Protein backbone atom coordinates (compact mmCIF):
# COMPACT_ATOMS: atom_id res chain seq x y z
CA MET A 1 122.00 -8.40 70.51
CA ALA A 2 118.74 -10.11 71.05
CA ARG A 3 120.38 -12.55 73.55
CA GLN A 4 121.37 -9.63 75.75
CA GLN A 5 117.77 -8.28 75.83
CA ILE A 6 116.15 -11.54 76.90
CA VAL A 7 115.81 -11.48 80.70
CA GLN A 8 114.28 -14.86 81.20
CA ALA A 9 113.02 -17.78 78.85
CA SER A 10 110.58 -20.41 79.88
CA VAL A 11 108.95 -23.30 78.09
CA LEU A 12 105.14 -23.43 77.74
CA ASN A 13 103.66 -26.87 77.99
CA VAL A 14 100.67 -26.46 75.68
CA ASP A 15 100.62 -29.64 73.58
CA TYR A 16 96.75 -29.76 73.89
CA TYR A 17 93.62 -27.75 72.87
CA PRO A 18 91.53 -26.20 75.67
CA ARG A 19 88.00 -26.35 74.17
CA GLU A 20 86.11 -25.21 77.33
CA SER A 21 86.79 -24.06 80.79
CA HIS A 22 86.81 -27.67 82.04
CA LEU A 23 87.27 -29.54 78.72
CA ILE A 24 90.55 -30.40 76.96
CA THR A 25 90.97 -32.29 73.70
CA PHE A 26 93.90 -33.40 71.66
CA ARG A 27 92.02 -33.35 68.37
CA ASP A 28 93.22 -36.84 67.54
CA PRO A 29 90.30 -38.93 66.20
CA TRP A 30 92.86 -41.50 64.90
CA SER A 31 93.58 -42.46 68.44
CA PHE A 32 90.51 -44.72 68.53
CA PRO A 33 91.68 -47.08 65.63
CA THR A 34 95.30 -46.92 66.90
CA LEU A 35 94.28 -48.18 70.29
CA PHE A 36 91.55 -50.78 69.29
CA HIS A 37 92.25 -51.90 65.70
CA PRO A 38 93.91 -55.28 65.76
CA ALA A 39 96.30 -54.35 62.91
CA CYS A 40 97.67 -51.29 64.84
CA ASN A 41 99.19 -53.26 67.79
CA HIS A 42 102.72 -52.25 66.96
CA LEU A 43 101.68 -48.52 67.00
CA VAL A 44 100.13 -48.60 70.49
CA ARG A 45 103.47 -48.17 72.47
CA GLN A 46 104.65 -45.08 70.61
CA HIS A 47 101.07 -43.69 70.70
CA MET A 48 100.84 -44.10 74.50
CA ASP A 49 104.17 -42.39 74.89
CA ASP A 50 102.77 -39.41 72.92
CA LEU A 51 99.57 -39.39 74.99
CA ALA A 52 101.60 -39.54 78.20
CA GLN A 53 103.57 -36.48 77.22
CA LYS A 54 100.45 -34.56 76.46
CA ILE A 55 98.84 -35.54 79.83
CA VAL A 56 102.07 -34.47 81.64
CA SER A 57 101.98 -31.12 79.83
CA ILE A 58 98.44 -30.54 81.21
CA CYS A 59 99.65 -31.40 84.83
CA VAL A 60 102.64 -29.02 84.41
CA SER A 61 100.39 -26.28 83.05
CA ILE A 62 98.07 -26.37 86.04
CA GLY A 63 100.88 -27.02 88.50
CA GLU A 64 99.78 -30.40 89.71
CA TYR A 65 101.86 -33.56 90.65
CA PRO A 66 98.83 -35.76 91.10
CA ALA A 67 98.24 -39.15 92.53
CA ILE A 68 97.30 -41.49 89.63
CA ARG A 69 94.54 -44.01 89.42
CA TYR A 70 93.55 -46.08 86.43
CA TYR A 71 90.63 -48.15 85.28
CA SER A 72 91.13 -51.97 85.55
CA PRO A 73 87.97 -53.77 84.20
CA ARG A 74 86.70 -56.84 86.11
CA ASN A 75 86.92 -60.09 84.27
CA PRO A 76 88.14 -58.61 81.05
CA SER A 77 87.68 -60.47 77.78
CA HIS A 78 89.29 -58.11 75.29
CA GLU A 79 92.94 -57.38 74.46
CA ALA A 80 92.78 -53.68 75.24
CA SER A 81 91.84 -54.23 78.90
CA VAL A 82 95.46 -53.40 79.86
CA LEU A 83 95.46 -50.11 78.07
CA CYS A 84 94.80 -48.02 81.07
CA SER A 85 97.44 -49.66 83.28
CA HIS A 86 100.13 -49.18 80.64
CA LEU A 87 99.18 -45.60 79.97
CA ALA A 88 99.16 -44.79 83.71
CA ARG A 89 102.67 -46.20 84.03
CA PHE A 90 103.89 -44.09 81.10
CA VAL A 91 102.48 -40.99 82.73
CA GLN A 92 103.87 -41.77 86.12
CA ILE A 93 107.31 -42.31 84.72
CA GLN A 94 107.34 -39.00 82.78
CA LEU A 95 105.96 -37.07 85.70
CA ASP A 96 108.55 -38.38 87.99
CA GLN A 97 111.29 -37.51 85.57
CA TYR A 98 109.95 -33.97 85.03
CA ALA A 99 109.85 -33.41 88.81
CA LYS A 100 113.35 -34.82 89.13
CA TYR A 101 114.95 -32.37 86.62
CA ASN A 102 112.75 -29.32 87.71
CA ASP A 103 113.07 -28.37 91.31
CA ASP A 104 110.26 -25.74 91.04
CA PHE A 105 107.72 -28.49 90.21
CA PRO A 106 105.14 -28.77 91.73
CA PRO A 107 104.83 -25.10 92.88
CA PRO A 108 103.73 -24.54 96.40
CA SER A 109 99.98 -24.46 96.74
CA PRO A 110 97.46 -24.41 99.48
CA ARG A 111 95.23 -26.75 97.42
CA PRO A 112 94.81 -30.39 98.35
CA ARG A 113 96.92 -32.66 96.20
CA GLY A 114 95.27 -33.40 92.83
CA LEU A 115 94.12 -36.72 91.41
CA LEU A 116 94.54 -37.98 87.96
CA VAL A 117 92.07 -40.67 86.76
CA ILE A 118 93.01 -42.60 83.53
CA THR A 119 90.29 -44.46 81.79
CA ASP A 120 89.16 -45.28 78.27
CA ARG A 121 86.11 -45.68 76.09
CA THR A 122 85.44 -49.22 77.29
CA LEU A 123 84.36 -47.78 80.72
CA ASP A 124 80.92 -46.97 79.41
CA LEU A 125 79.65 -48.38 76.10
CA PHE A 126 76.10 -46.87 76.56
CA ALA A 127 77.01 -43.18 76.76
CA PRO A 128 77.98 -42.85 73.12
CA LEU A 129 74.81 -44.48 71.86
CA LEU A 130 71.99 -42.92 74.04
CA HIS A 131 70.05 -39.97 72.78
CA GLU A 132 70.94 -37.18 75.13
CA PHE A 133 68.46 -34.27 75.47
CA THR A 134 70.62 -31.60 77.21
CA TYR A 135 71.20 -28.68 74.81
CA GLN A 136 74.91 -29.27 73.92
CA ALA A 137 74.69 -33.02 73.50
CA MET A 138 71.41 -32.84 71.60
CA VAL A 139 72.53 -30.26 68.88
CA HIS A 140 75.86 -32.19 68.32
CA ASP A 141 73.81 -35.38 67.75
CA LEU A 142 70.86 -34.07 65.66
CA LEU A 143 72.02 -30.90 63.86
CA PRO A 144 74.63 -30.52 60.98
CA LEU A 145 77.21 -28.53 62.88
CA THR A 146 80.45 -27.64 61.24
CA GLU A 147 83.30 -28.76 63.59
CA GLY A 148 86.96 -27.96 63.16
CA ASP A 149 89.05 -25.48 65.03
CA LYS A 150 85.84 -23.80 65.66
CA VAL A 151 82.17 -24.86 65.80
CA TYR A 152 79.58 -23.26 63.42
CA TYR A 153 75.96 -23.60 62.69
CA LYS A 154 74.33 -22.26 59.59
CA VAL A 155 71.31 -20.02 60.56
CA GLY A 156 68.53 -18.93 58.17
CA SER A 157 69.28 -21.45 55.39
CA ASN A 158 66.32 -22.51 53.24
CA GLN A 159 65.47 -23.12 49.63
CA THR A 160 65.79 -19.42 48.61
CA GLN A 161 68.78 -18.25 50.68
CA GLN A 162 72.15 -19.73 51.69
CA GLY A 163 72.23 -18.75 55.33
CA LYS A 164 75.04 -17.48 57.52
CA ASP A 165 77.54 -19.45 59.61
CA GLN A 166 77.60 -18.36 63.26
CA GLU A 167 80.24 -19.44 65.66
CA ILE A 168 79.37 -21.34 68.95
CA SER A 169 82.14 -20.63 71.52
CA GLU A 170 83.00 -19.85 75.14
CA LYS A 171 82.54 -16.18 74.30
CA ASP A 172 78.82 -16.80 73.78
CA ASN A 173 77.29 -16.20 77.23
CA ILE A 174 74.00 -17.84 76.31
CA TRP A 175 75.75 -20.99 75.16
CA VAL A 176 77.84 -21.15 78.39
CA LYS A 177 74.85 -20.61 80.59
CA TYR A 178 72.37 -23.06 78.92
CA ARG A 179 74.49 -25.77 77.23
CA HIS A 180 73.77 -28.35 80.06
CA LEU A 181 70.14 -27.40 80.40
CA HIS A 182 67.45 -29.98 79.44
CA MET A 183 65.62 -29.12 76.24
CA LYS A 184 62.23 -29.24 77.98
CA ASP A 185 63.29 -26.13 79.94
CA LEU A 186 65.52 -24.40 77.49
CA LEU A 187 62.83 -22.86 75.18
CA ASP A 188 61.07 -21.25 78.08
CA GLU A 189 64.42 -19.81 79.48
CA LEU A 190 65.50 -18.49 76.10
CA VAL A 191 62.20 -16.67 75.46
CA LYS A 192 62.28 -15.20 79.01
CA ASP A 193 65.80 -13.95 78.61
CA PHE A 194 65.14 -12.46 75.21
CA ASN A 195 62.21 -10.44 76.53
CA ALA A 196 64.44 -9.27 79.39
CA PHE A 197 67.04 -8.34 76.82
CA LYS A 198 64.60 -6.25 74.84
CA ALA A 199 63.46 -4.47 78.03
CA GLN A 200 67.07 -3.56 78.79
CA ASN A 201 67.42 -1.95 75.29
CA PRO A 202 64.11 0.08 74.99
CA GLN A 203 65.61 2.42 72.41
CA PHE A 204 65.47 -0.36 69.81
CA ALA A 205 61.88 -1.32 70.51
CA ASP A 206 59.18 -0.21 67.96
CA SER A 207 57.75 3.00 69.18
CA ASP A 208 55.41 5.65 67.66
CA ALA A 209 57.22 8.36 69.45
CA PRO A 210 59.20 10.80 67.31
CA ALA A 211 62.95 10.28 67.27
CA THR A 212 65.03 12.95 69.00
CA ILE A 213 68.79 13.61 68.87
CA ASN A 214 69.31 12.10 72.27
CA SER A 215 67.35 8.88 71.34
CA ILE A 216 69.32 8.51 68.19
CA LYS A 217 72.55 8.94 70.13
CA ASP A 218 71.41 6.31 72.66
CA MET A 219 70.60 3.97 69.81
CA LEU A 220 73.93 4.37 68.06
CA ALA A 221 75.86 3.93 71.37
CA GLY A 222 74.10 0.61 72.10
CA LEU A 223 73.92 -0.63 68.51
CA PRO A 224 77.07 -2.97 68.55
CA LYS A 225 76.06 -4.61 71.79
CA PHE A 226 72.48 -4.89 70.79
CA GLN A 227 73.37 -6.32 67.43
CA GLU A 228 75.68 -8.93 69.08
CA GLY A 229 73.03 -9.95 71.44
CA LYS A 230 70.35 -10.10 68.88
CA GLU A 231 72.47 -12.53 66.61
CA ALA A 232 73.26 -14.69 69.75
CA TYR A 233 69.52 -15.05 70.61
CA SER A 234 68.71 -15.63 67.01
CA LEU A 235 71.31 -18.45 66.77
CA HIS A 236 70.08 -20.31 69.85
CA LEU A 237 66.35 -19.83 69.15
CA SER A 238 67.07 -21.27 65.72
CA MET A 239 69.08 -24.22 66.91
CA THR A 240 66.61 -25.07 69.67
CA GLN A 241 63.68 -25.01 67.26
CA ASP A 242 65.55 -27.11 64.65
CA ALA A 243 66.52 -29.67 67.27
CA MET A 244 62.98 -29.99 68.47
CA ASP A 245 61.68 -30.36 64.93
CA VAL A 246 64.13 -33.34 64.41
CA PHE A 247 63.12 -34.75 67.83
CA GLN A 248 59.52 -34.89 66.77
CA GLU A 249 60.06 -35.99 63.18
CA ARG A 250 62.17 -39.00 64.16
CA ARG A 251 59.87 -39.86 67.14
CA LEU A 252 62.76 -39.75 69.64
CA ALA A 253 60.63 -39.66 72.62
CA ASP A 254 59.47 -43.28 72.07
CA VAL A 255 62.99 -44.34 71.16
CA ALA A 256 64.59 -42.67 74.24
CA SER A 257 62.14 -44.10 76.64
CA VAL A 258 63.16 -47.67 75.66
CA GLU A 259 66.86 -46.55 75.69
CA GLN A 260 66.66 -45.35 79.23
CA SER A 261 65.23 -48.62 80.38
CA LEU A 262 67.95 -50.56 78.57
CA ALA A 263 70.75 -48.42 79.88
CA THR A 264 69.69 -48.23 83.48
CA GLY A 265 67.94 -51.64 83.80
CA LEU A 266 64.91 -49.80 85.36
CA ASP A 267 61.71 -48.48 83.99
CA GLU A 268 60.27 -44.99 84.59
CA ASP A 269 59.04 -46.11 88.04
CA TYR A 270 62.56 -47.48 88.90
CA LYS A 271 61.34 -51.06 88.64
CA LYS A 272 62.54 -54.00 86.54
CA PRO A 273 61.29 -53.37 82.91
CA LYS A 274 58.95 -55.79 81.26
CA SER A 275 58.62 -56.84 77.60
CA LEU A 276 61.52 -54.78 76.45
CA ALA A 277 62.14 -57.17 73.54
CA ASP A 278 58.72 -56.52 72.17
CA GLN A 279 59.11 -52.71 72.49
CA VAL A 280 62.54 -52.97 70.64
CA VAL A 281 61.01 -55.08 67.72
CA ARG A 282 57.98 -52.61 67.52
CA LEU A 283 60.42 -49.62 67.08
CA LEU A 284 62.58 -51.46 64.56
CA ASP A 285 59.43 -52.06 62.35
CA ASP A 286 58.33 -48.48 62.55
CA ASP A 287 59.11 -46.66 59.17
CA ALA A 288 59.44 -43.30 61.14
CA ILE A 289 62.52 -44.54 63.00
CA GLN A 290 65.69 -43.81 60.97
CA PHE A 291 68.28 -46.43 60.33
CA PRO A 292 71.04 -45.14 62.50
CA ASP A 293 68.55 -44.98 65.40
CA ARG A 294 67.58 -48.64 64.77
CA LEU A 295 71.29 -49.62 64.82
CA ARG A 296 71.81 -47.81 68.09
CA LEU A 297 68.73 -49.44 69.57
CA ILE A 298 69.88 -52.96 68.65
CA ILE A 299 73.33 -52.37 70.14
CA GLN A 300 71.83 -51.09 73.39
CA TYR A 301 69.60 -54.17 73.59
CA LEU A 302 72.52 -56.39 73.07
CA LEU A 303 74.53 -54.71 75.84
CA TYR A 304 71.46 -54.89 78.14
CA ARG A 305 71.27 -58.63 77.53
CA ASP A 306 75.07 -59.01 77.67
CA GLY A 307 75.08 -60.92 74.40
CA LEU A 308 72.52 -62.56 72.18
CA LEU A 309 72.23 -65.72 70.13
CA PRO A 310 73.55 -65.17 66.48
CA THR A 311 70.09 -66.09 65.14
CA ASP A 312 68.42 -63.47 67.43
CA ILE A 313 70.88 -60.81 66.19
CA GLN A 314 70.05 -61.72 62.70
CA LYS A 315 66.33 -61.52 63.37
CA LEU A 316 66.78 -58.04 64.85
CA LEU A 317 68.74 -56.88 61.75
CA THR A 318 66.02 -58.27 59.51
CA HIS A 319 63.29 -56.38 61.36
CA ALA A 320 65.46 -53.09 61.19
CA ARG A 321 66.16 -53.81 57.42
CA LEU A 322 69.79 -52.59 57.97
CA PRO A 323 72.61 -53.08 55.35
CA ALA A 324 74.97 -56.01 55.87
CA GLN A 325 77.92 -53.81 56.85
CA ASP A 326 76.06 -52.69 59.96
CA SER A 327 76.53 -56.29 61.30
CA GLU A 328 80.24 -55.48 61.43
CA VAL A 329 79.65 -52.65 63.90
CA ILE A 330 77.92 -55.10 66.16
CA SER A 331 80.66 -57.80 65.93
CA ASN A 332 83.37 -55.21 66.47
CA LEU A 333 82.12 -54.42 69.89
CA GLU A 334 83.91 -57.42 71.07
CA LEU A 335 87.15 -55.39 70.71
CA LEU A 336 85.81 -52.93 73.26
CA GLY A 337 84.97 -55.66 75.82
CA ALA A 338 81.25 -56.15 75.05
CA HIS A 339 79.85 -59.69 74.95
CA VAL A 340 78.17 -59.92 71.58
CA MET A 341 77.53 -63.65 71.11
CA ARG A 342 75.86 -66.24 73.39
CA VAL A 343 75.68 -69.99 72.82
CA LEU A 344 72.36 -71.81 73.10
CA LYS A 345 72.84 -73.18 76.66
CA ASP A 346 75.03 -70.37 78.01
CA SER A 347 75.00 -70.56 81.83
CA ARG A 348 76.84 -67.25 82.15
CA PRO A 349 74.67 -64.78 84.17
CA VAL A 350 73.83 -61.47 82.76
CA ALA A 351 76.43 -58.98 83.83
CA GLN A 352 75.31 -56.09 86.01
CA HIS A 353 75.98 -52.54 85.07
CA GLN A 354 79.08 -51.89 87.23
CA PHE A 355 78.62 -48.15 87.63
CA SER A 356 74.94 -47.61 87.09
CA LYS A 357 72.56 -46.50 89.90
CA ARG A 358 70.23 -49.52 90.04
CA GLU A 359 68.84 -48.90 93.52
CA ALA A 360 65.16 -47.95 93.64
CA GLN A 361 64.44 -44.26 93.79
CA VAL A 362 61.50 -41.97 93.99
CA PRO A 363 61.16 -39.96 90.74
CA SER A 364 61.62 -36.22 91.40
CA VAL A 365 59.18 -33.77 90.02
CA ASP A 366 61.79 -31.90 88.02
CA GLU A 367 63.34 -35.21 86.59
CA SER A 368 62.53 -36.08 82.99
CA GLY A 369 61.70 -39.67 82.27
CA LEU A 370 64.04 -39.41 79.28
CA SER A 371 67.10 -38.49 81.33
CA ARG A 372 67.25 -41.14 84.08
CA PHE A 373 70.59 -42.45 82.89
CA ASP A 374 73.79 -41.12 84.40
CA PRO A 375 77.16 -41.74 82.66
CA ALA A 376 79.45 -44.19 84.37
CA LEU A 377 82.02 -41.44 84.79
CA LYS A 378 79.69 -39.33 86.96
CA VAL A 379 79.27 -42.32 89.36
CA VAL A 380 83.03 -42.84 89.36
CA LEU A 381 83.74 -39.14 90.19
CA GLU A 382 81.10 -39.09 93.00
CA GLU A 383 82.63 -42.13 94.62
CA LEU A 384 86.11 -40.82 94.11
CA SER A 385 85.15 -37.56 95.89
CA ARG A 386 83.64 -39.53 98.73
CA GLY A 387 86.67 -41.74 99.13
CA THR A 388 84.66 -44.98 98.34
CA LEU A 389 85.97 -45.86 94.85
CA ASP A 390 86.87 -49.44 94.67
CA GLN A 391 90.65 -49.90 94.59
CA THR A 392 90.47 -53.15 92.58
CA THR A 393 88.71 -51.38 89.78
CA PHE A 394 90.69 -48.16 90.05
CA PRO A 395 94.04 -49.05 91.59
CA PHE A 396 96.89 -46.55 92.25
CA THR A 397 100.20 -46.64 90.22
CA LYS A 398 101.89 -46.12 93.54
CA PRO A 399 99.68 -47.69 96.19
CA HIS A 400 102.20 -47.58 98.97
CA LEU A 401 102.65 -43.78 98.51
CA ASP A 402 99.45 -42.34 97.14
CA ALA A 403 96.68 -44.61 98.60
CA ALA A 404 96.55 -42.55 101.86
CA ASP A 405 96.03 -39.33 99.98
CA GLY A 406 93.67 -40.61 97.40
CA LEU A 407 91.20 -42.35 99.87
CA MET A 408 90.78 -39.28 102.12
CA GLY A 409 88.11 -37.85 99.71
CA GLN A 410 87.33 -34.33 100.84
CA ASP A 411 90.23 -34.26 103.35
CA ASN A 412 93.16 -34.79 101.01
CA VAL A 413 96.53 -33.82 102.21
CA SER A 414 97.82 -30.52 100.96
CA GLN A 415 100.78 -30.30 98.60
CA ALA A 416 102.30 -27.77 100.90
CA SER A 417 104.17 -28.67 104.06
CA LEU A 418 102.46 -31.22 106.31
CA ARG A 419 103.41 -29.20 109.39
CA SER A 420 101.27 -26.22 108.16
CA ALA A 421 98.27 -28.44 107.53
CA LYS A 422 95.37 -27.74 109.87
CA PRO A 423 93.51 -30.70 111.49
CA THR A 424 90.68 -31.89 109.30
CA TRP A 425 88.86 -34.46 111.43
CA ALA A 426 86.01 -32.00 112.22
CA ARG A 427 85.41 -30.81 108.67
CA THR A 428 82.75 -32.36 106.55
CA ARG A 429 82.72 -30.12 103.57
CA PRO A 430 85.19 -27.46 102.38
CA SER A 431 84.09 -23.81 102.69
CA ALA A 432 83.55 -21.60 99.70
CA SER A 433 86.81 -19.60 100.32
CA GLU A 434 88.91 -22.82 100.69
CA PRO A 435 91.00 -23.82 97.69
CA ARG A 436 89.42 -26.72 95.85
CA GLN A 437 90.93 -29.99 94.90
CA ARG A 438 91.60 -30.52 91.25
CA ILE A 439 90.57 -33.89 89.62
CA LEU A 440 91.86 -34.47 86.11
CA VAL A 441 90.13 -37.28 84.13
CA PHE A 442 91.71 -38.56 80.88
CA MET A 443 89.53 -40.75 78.61
CA ALA A 444 91.45 -42.47 75.83
CA GLY A 445 89.49 -43.24 72.74
CA GLY A 446 87.13 -40.26 72.83
CA ALA A 447 84.60 -38.72 75.31
CA THR A 448 80.97 -37.72 74.88
CA TYR A 449 79.23 -34.44 75.73
CA SER A 450 77.18 -36.18 78.49
CA GLU A 451 80.38 -37.15 80.20
CA SER A 452 81.66 -33.44 79.86
CA ARG A 453 78.34 -32.33 81.48
CA ALA A 454 78.91 -34.85 84.30
CA CYS A 455 82.28 -33.29 85.12
CA TYR A 456 80.70 -29.85 85.39
CA GLU A 457 77.87 -31.17 87.58
CA VAL A 458 80.34 -32.95 90.01
CA SER A 459 82.43 -29.85 90.16
CA SER A 460 79.36 -27.79 91.21
CA SER A 461 77.84 -30.27 93.65
CA LEU A 462 80.90 -31.54 95.44
CA SER A 463 83.11 -28.40 95.34
CA LYS A 464 85.86 -29.90 93.20
CA ASP A 465 87.50 -28.66 90.04
CA VAL A 466 86.92 -31.56 87.71
CA PHE A 467 88.69 -31.31 84.16
CA LEU A 468 88.02 -33.75 81.40
CA ALA A 469 90.77 -34.42 78.95
CA THR A 470 90.32 -36.68 75.91
CA THR A 471 91.71 -37.56 72.53
CA HIS A 472 88.68 -36.21 70.79
CA MET A 473 84.90 -35.62 71.26
CA LEU A 474 82.56 -38.24 70.17
CA THR A 475 79.05 -37.91 68.63
CA PRO A 476 76.93 -41.07 68.08
CA SER A 477 77.39 -41.00 64.32
CA LEU A 478 81.25 -40.69 64.68
CA TYR A 479 81.35 -43.43 67.27
CA LEU A 480 79.37 -45.96 65.01
CA ARG A 481 81.60 -45.08 62.14
CA GLN A 482 84.83 -45.62 64.08
CA VAL A 483 83.57 -48.92 65.54
CA GLY A 484 82.68 -50.12 62.09
CA ASP A 485 86.20 -49.20 60.88
CA LEU A 486 87.79 -51.64 63.39
CA SER A 487 87.28 -54.46 60.85
CA VAL A 488 88.34 -52.71 57.65
CA ASP A 489 91.83 -52.88 56.06
CA ARG A 490 94.21 -50.68 57.90
CA ARG A 491 95.32 -49.07 54.73
CA ARG A 492 91.85 -47.53 54.25
CA LEU A 493 91.98 -45.78 57.63
CA ASP A 494 94.51 -43.10 56.53
CA LEU A 495 96.30 -43.20 59.83
CA PRO A 496 98.95 -40.49 60.28
CA ALA A 497 101.53 -43.15 61.05
CA ASP A 498 100.98 -44.63 57.54
CA ARG A 499 101.22 -41.43 55.62
CA PRO A 500 104.40 -40.47 53.94
CA LYS A 501 106.68 -38.51 56.29
CA PRO A 502 106.76 -34.76 55.50
CA ARG A 503 109.87 -33.49 53.88
CA ALA A 504 111.20 -30.09 52.89
CA PRO A 505 110.57 -28.81 49.48
CA ASP A 506 112.86 -30.12 46.71
CA TYR A 507 114.28 -26.60 45.92
CA LEU A 508 115.97 -26.43 49.30
CA PHE A 509 118.19 -29.37 48.23
CA GLU A 510 119.05 -28.20 44.77
CA LYS A 511 122.77 -27.25 44.27
CA GLU A 512 123.75 -23.76 43.03
CA MET A 513 124.59 -23.68 39.35
CA PRO A 514 128.35 -22.84 38.74
CA PRO A 515 128.95 -19.43 36.94
CA PRO A 516 129.33 -19.77 33.16
CA PRO A 517 132.98 -19.72 31.82
CA PRO A 518 134.24 -16.60 30.07
CA LYS A 519 133.58 -16.56 26.31
CA SER A 520 136.63 -17.05 24.05
CA PRO A 521 136.63 -14.96 20.88
CA ALA A 522 135.57 -16.94 17.93
CA HIS A 523 137.68 -17.56 14.87
CA GLY A 524 137.74 -14.53 12.61
CA GLU A 525 136.15 -12.29 15.10
CA SER A 526 139.00 -9.67 14.66
CA ARG A 527 137.97 -9.01 11.17
CA ASN A 528 134.63 -7.77 12.16
CA GLN A 529 135.99 -5.23 14.78
CA THR A 530 135.04 -1.62 14.15
CA PRO A 531 137.69 0.91 13.00
CA ILE A 532 137.57 2.58 16.42
CA ALA A 533 138.38 -0.61 18.26
CA GLY A 534 141.19 -1.37 15.86
CA MET A 535 142.80 2.07 16.47
CA GLN A 536 143.41 1.14 19.98
CA ASN A 537 146.18 -1.34 18.85
CA LEU A 538 148.20 1.23 16.87
CA GLN A 539 151.67 2.09 18.20
CA VAL A 540 152.91 5.68 18.37
CA SER A 541 156.61 6.28 18.93
CA ASP A 542 158.64 9.44 19.56
CA SER A 543 162.27 10.20 19.89
CA ASN A 544 162.33 10.73 23.56
CA GLY A 545 160.95 7.48 24.77
CA PRO A 546 159.57 4.08 24.06
CA SER A 547 156.65 3.68 21.69
CA ARG A 548 153.14 3.99 23.38
CA PRO A 549 149.71 3.01 22.22
CA ALA A 550 147.32 5.71 20.96
CA ASN A 551 145.48 5.68 24.29
CA GLY A 552 148.64 6.74 26.19
CA GLN A 553 148.85 3.49 28.24
CA LEU A 554 151.79 1.20 28.36
CA PRO A 555 151.23 -2.10 26.44
CA GLN A 556 150.18 -5.09 28.51
CA SER A 557 150.26 -7.92 26.11
CA SER A 558 153.20 -9.87 24.58
CA SER A 559 152.19 -9.16 20.96
CA THR A 560 152.65 -5.39 21.66
CA SER A 561 156.15 -5.95 22.99
CA THR A 562 157.14 -8.02 19.87
CA ALA A 563 155.93 -5.15 17.61
CA LYS A 564 157.95 -2.62 19.54
CA LEU A 565 161.14 -4.73 19.17
CA THR A 566 160.69 -5.09 15.46
CA LEU A 567 160.40 -1.30 15.02
CA ASP A 568 163.70 -0.78 16.97
CA LYS A 569 165.61 -3.16 14.77
CA ASP A 570 164.39 -1.43 11.53
CA LYS A 571 165.60 1.95 13.03
CA ASP A 572 169.08 0.65 13.68
CA ARG A 573 169.27 -0.81 10.13
CA GLU A 574 168.46 2.63 8.59
CA LYS A 575 171.27 4.28 10.66
CA LYS A 576 173.84 1.74 9.45
CA LYS A 577 172.87 2.32 5.81
CA LYS A 578 173.42 6.04 6.18
CA HIS A 579 176.73 5.50 7.94
CA HIS A 580 178.03 3.20 5.05
CA PHE A 581 176.79 5.71 2.50
CA PHE A 582 178.90 8.65 3.71
CA SER A 583 181.90 6.35 4.29
CA SER A 584 181.95 5.22 0.62
CA LYS A 585 182.42 8.69 -0.67
CA ARG A 586 185.65 9.20 1.04
């Protein structure tokens, strides 16, 4: 019946979790140890196959059959350097197979052909460590947010009251509007918007005027919307103030100033920095700097110097007074491609930051000295959009087929028929009404909120639709913990692959009990029968027919037939006696 009512059935490819309008996650934090832990090498192939299926499901959902480029690091020294090339090959094979068996893929579209860029966490080792001072990244770094299927922050908690969990989501217009704004501008904007919000709802303002029926009706009509807006502003004003309190308490302005010089290789005047080692040691000795911030500072200095002598690393750890297990975090960076150790007479030159903007610039008025660093992903996307991205660092999976499309930048060939494509030699920038090209970036091993912000900024500035997909979102604390876990015993990681396989409940496999056999009457049970039950066995006979039981039914058992035969024999014997009696008289 149901089969006859189904007109059409289709499969939805939704093996992922859309977190924001341009951000997709797989909610798989175990991907990081699976890809980079030395004891998990035999799990990598199956994990890559699973990741490829999820990436293909995203492409199918948005109707894109993209050209694929992947990250290939220069002069790699770590085993995971081939990760992106293998994953790109897996994705290409599965995309080709899907297109082969689905004639309607890709659907006709006026958009230029999309691009898929596959990279991993080794692309940028600075981004997960720097203190980022845009709203979203800062609150995830400094505040105790509750993250799961949804993100919550407890508002109003203190020593006397528990507080209330409030959700932070895409439904919150204030969050969507300001999450990528720098904190130096956020407080002023929030106060300005809140005053405008109160002006739009004058019925709720304190007034000495007597309330009338009409004013009360207006208040009741606008009460739900006003209450919702009031709670939203209360949430963000509280989060902003709490984040700024932590910022001042931990002296993050001094820390971030040194961090920006280490990450960019330039000081605030965009010149080569001086005496950075002294500045780092001075911060490590400061009691106001917390231990996690000291560890982050040491790692960034090590990355800036492209490796240190073992004695120098030990001196920095001594100044920072860090526990011994934190040295494991530093040594494990080798598994991500970082150069940790140097020998005494190492002639190897200090490696340049491959995707950082090192050219001299004039600081703008609006630019903060604590936000000079741009994630490497932003530089990659800008070069990709301009068609200048190096093919040796980001080669194509099919260079003979896709290179022509991928290098045309703004003028990529459409997925539709080539005959209908208009000449593009005179265009320098697509118009607002023209369909925009889609760029999907996948980062294995986790992405940061600064990299998510970079995708939004490139989308806005270069008229592209840039989507970031990743295994999970990283905060600095989570990143340090996962890097430290790369040297622990695999059994302590609690990987899903090591857990017992789920099985159905035991009761589903239990056999049904057979029905109990009928009870046989026990010895001597007939003696205990009631008189009424015994009367049913009496035989009643008449002259016109066979004997019948007292209940009028014919006998069914053999014992009843035997009793009837005995009564018939006795009757014949009586007749014979009478016959012989009368005959003797004669």
